[in-house]
Amino acid sequence: MIQKITFAVILVAFSLFFICLTNASPVELTPRDCGDEAYICFEGHEHDNKEYEEHDDCVTGKILITEVKEDCLKVTGKFDTGFEDGCLYEYQVEGCEKKEIPSGVISSPGTCLFDFYVKGSIHDVVGKTLKIYREGKCIADECFEKVEEKDKGKYIIG
């Protein structure tokens, strides 16, 4: 009887050691998979706000945010219109402070293709509004939408 219990204890201990060693646990350790995406598309003057209509040009372009690993996002985007050389541009994600858009990115009438990495989760941006400012005045705003699993890879910026 003692031999059966000892054998069972050794078998359980070996199994736990093997699972830990190979990281083959059937339990999901991360709450979500990396690769989640959020997308935003600026399509020009679709706003009721008259402030946007004061400008002769309108902001058009796309931004894709991809969660590359836990707590790290890759931001890729390009604006086709709405930017002029020599002006100060800033962006602001709802709930965050304004940040300047580097002048080296601006290539009138839009921007060059850009990508950079920021700390955060895809859940930090989904459903939030991104505003673009020219000389302190908001010229465009749109809301980030989560890209559904079936649509991943559909939104390529370039």
Protein backbone atom coordinates (compact mmCIF):
# COMPACT_ATOMS: atom_id res chain seq x y z
CA MET A 1 0.00 0.00 0.00
CA ILE A 2 2.81 2.42 0.88
CA GLN A 3 4.50 1.60 -2.43
CA LYS A 4 1.36 2.68 -4.36
CA ILE A 5 1.15 6.00 -2.47
CA THR A 6 4.88 6.66 -2.91
CA PHE A 7 4.63 5.87 -6.62
CA ALA A 8 1.63 8.24 -6.98
CA VAL A 9 3.46 11.06 -5.14
CA ILE A 10 6.55 10.61 -7.33
CA LEU A 11 4.40 10.55 -10.48
CA VAL A 12 2.59 13.77 -9.48
CA ALA A 13 5.87 15.49 -8.54
CA PHE A 14 7.48 14.47 -11.84
CA SER A 15 4.41 15.66 -13.80
CA LEU A 16 4.45 19.06 -12.08
CA PHE A 17 8.19 19.38 -12.68
CA PHE A 18 7.74 18.48 -16.37
CA ILE A 19 4.87 20.96 -16.83
CA CYS A 20 6.84 23.77 -15.19
CA LEU A 21 10.00 22.92 -17.12
CA THR A 22 8.31 22.88 -20.52
CA ASN A 23 5.72 25.57 -19.77
CA ALA A 24 3.11 23.19 -21.16
CA SER A 25 0.42 24.15 -18.70
CA PRO A 26 -3.12 23.82 -20.06
CA VAL A 27 -4.06 26.93 -18.03
CA GLU A 28 -3.95 30.21 -19.98
CA LEU A 29 -1.44 32.44 -18.20
CA THR A 30 -2.12 35.63 -20.14
CA PRO A 31 -5.63 37.08 -20.25
CA ARG A 32 -5.43 37.92 -23.98
CA ASP A 33 -3.32 37.22 -27.01
CA CYS A 34 -0.96 39.82 -28.40
CA GLY A 35 -1.77 40.96 -31.90
CA ASP A 36 -5.00 42.76 -30.99
CA GLU A 37 -5.53 45.81 -33.21
CA ALA A 38 -7.33 49.15 -33.09
CA TYR A 39 -7.99 51.25 -36.19
CA ILE A 40 -8.95 54.82 -36.93
CA CYS A 41 -9.77 56.45 -40.26
CA PHE A 42 -9.96 60.21 -40.84
CA GLU A 43 -12.17 60.76 -43.87
CA GLY A 44 -12.38 64.53 -44.01
CA HIS A 45 -15.32 66.76 -43.11
CA GLU A 46 -17.91 64.43 -41.64
CA HIS A 47 -18.44 66.69 -38.65
CA ASP A 48 -21.23 69.07 -37.72
CA ASN A 49 -18.69 71.29 -35.96
CA LYS A 50 -18.29 74.52 -37.98
CA GLU A 51 -14.76 74.98 -36.62
CA TYR A 52 -13.53 72.22 -38.95
CA GLU A 53 -15.09 73.87 -41.99
CA GLU A 54 -12.99 77.04 -41.54
CA HIS A 55 -9.98 75.31 -43.08
CA ASP A 56 -9.68 74.89 -46.83
CA ASP A 57 -8.21 71.43 -46.37
CA CYS A 58 -9.42 68.49 -44.35
CA VAL A 59 -7.57 65.76 -42.49
CA THR A 60 -7.62 62.37 -44.19
CA GLY A 61 -5.56 59.36 -43.22
CA LYS A 62 -5.37 56.15 -41.22
CA ILE A 63 -3.74 54.88 -38.04
CA LEU A 64 -3.39 51.25 -36.96
CA ILE A 65 -2.33 50.27 -33.45
CA THR A 66 -1.11 46.71 -32.87
CA GLU A 67 -0.38 45.13 -29.50
CA VAL A 68 3.03 43.57 -30.13
CA LYS A 69 3.53 42.26 -26.60
CA GLU A 70 1.95 42.77 -23.23
CA ASP A 71 2.07 46.49 -22.37
CA CYS A 72 3.63 47.52 -25.73
CA LEU A 73 1.80 49.00 -28.73
CA LYS A 74 3.07 49.69 -32.25
CA VAL A 75 1.48 52.76 -33.84
CA THR A 76 1.59 52.92 -37.65
CA GLY A 77 -0.07 55.62 -39.70
CA LYS A 78 -0.10 58.11 -42.53
CA PHE A 79 -2.12 61.25 -43.16
CA ASP A 80 -2.80 62.07 -46.80
CA THR A 81 -4.16 65.61 -46.43
CA GLY A 82 -4.68 68.33 -43.83
CA PHE A 83 -1.09 69.19 -42.90
CA GLU A 84 0.96 72.21 -43.98
CA ASP A 85 4.69 72.75 -43.57
CA GLY A 86 5.60 75.35 -40.96
CA CYS A 87 2.58 74.86 -38.68
CA LEU A 88 2.59 73.41 -35.18
CA TYR A 89 0.60 70.16 -34.98
CA GLU A 90 -0.31 68.22 -31.88
CA TYR A 91 -2.35 65.12 -31.14
CA GLN A 92 -4.22 64.04 -28.05
CA VAL A 93 -5.77 60.72 -27.10
CA GLU A 94 -8.76 61.18 -24.81
CA GLY A 95 -7.59 61.17 -21.20
CA CYS A 96 -3.93 61.87 -22.06
CA GLU A 97 -1.97 65.06 -22.51
CA LYS A 98 -1.28 66.70 -25.89
CA LYS A 99 1.91 65.71 -27.67
CA GLU A 100 3.60 67.49 -30.55
CA ILE A 101 3.77 65.86 -33.97
CA PRO A 102 7.43 66.15 -35.05
CA SER A 103 7.89 68.57 -37.96
CA GLY A 104 10.09 65.98 -39.71
CA VAL A 105 7.02 63.77 -40.17
CA ILE A 106 5.00 66.49 -41.91
CA SER A 107 5.25 66.44 -45.69
CA SER A 108 2.60 68.79 -47.06
CA PRO A 109 -0.21 68.06 -47.83
CA GLY A 110 -0.01 65.15 -45.36
CA THR A 111 2.63 63.22 -43.44
CA CYS A 112 5.21 60.59 -44.19
CA LEU A 113 4.47 57.03 -43.14
CA PHE A 114 5.27 56.83 -39.44
CA ASP A 115 5.56 54.12 -36.84
CA PHE A 116 6.62 54.16 -33.23
CA TYR A 117 6.14 52.19 -30.04
CA VAL A 118 4.31 53.28 -26.90
CA LYS A 119 3.68 51.67 -23.56
CA GLY A 120 0.12 50.51 -22.98
CA SER A 121 -2.58 48.02 -23.84
CA ILE A 122 -4.97 47.99 -26.79
CA HIS A 123 -7.75 48.37 -24.22
CA ASP A 124 -6.26 51.77 -23.29
CA VAL A 125 -7.19 53.22 -26.71
CA VAL A 126 -10.25 51.34 -27.99
CA GLY A 127 -13.29 53.61 -27.80
CA LYS A 128 -11.22 56.72 -27.12
CA THR A 129 -11.07 59.79 -29.34
CA LEU A 130 -7.91 61.00 -31.08
CA LYS A 131 -7.83 64.75 -31.76
CA ILE A 132 -5.50 66.55 -34.16
CA TYR A 133 -4.64 70.19 -33.43
CA ARG A 134 -3.16 72.86 -35.72
CA GLU A 135 -1.76 75.90 -33.92
CA GLY A 136 -3.83 74.96 -30.85
CA LYS A 137 -7.18 74.55 -32.66
CA CYS A 138 -8.77 71.12 -33.07
CA ILE A 139 -9.04 70.35 -36.79
CA ALA A 140 -10.10 66.69 -36.64
CA ASP A 141 -11.24 64.00 -34.24
CA GLU A 142 -12.14 60.35 -34.64
CA CYS A 143 -12.67 57.36 -32.35
CA PHE A 144 -10.49 54.22 -32.24
CA GLU A 145 -12.34 50.99 -33.04
CA LYS A 146 -11.17 47.48 -32.18
CA VAL A 147 -10.40 45.38 -35.24
CA GLU A 148 -12.38 42.15 -35.14
CA GLU A 149 -10.52 38.84 -35.38
CA LYS A 150 -11.91 38.16 -38.88
CA ASP A 151 -10.66 41.57 -40.14
CA LYS A 152 -7.07 41.39 -38.85
CA GLY A 153 -4.57 42.09 -41.60
CA LYS A 154 -7.21 43.95 -43.61
CA TYR A 155 -6.08 47.41 -42.49
CA ILE A 156 -2.60 47.85 -43.92
CA ILE A 157 -1.11 51.33 -43.80
CA GLY A 158 1.27 52.30 -46.54
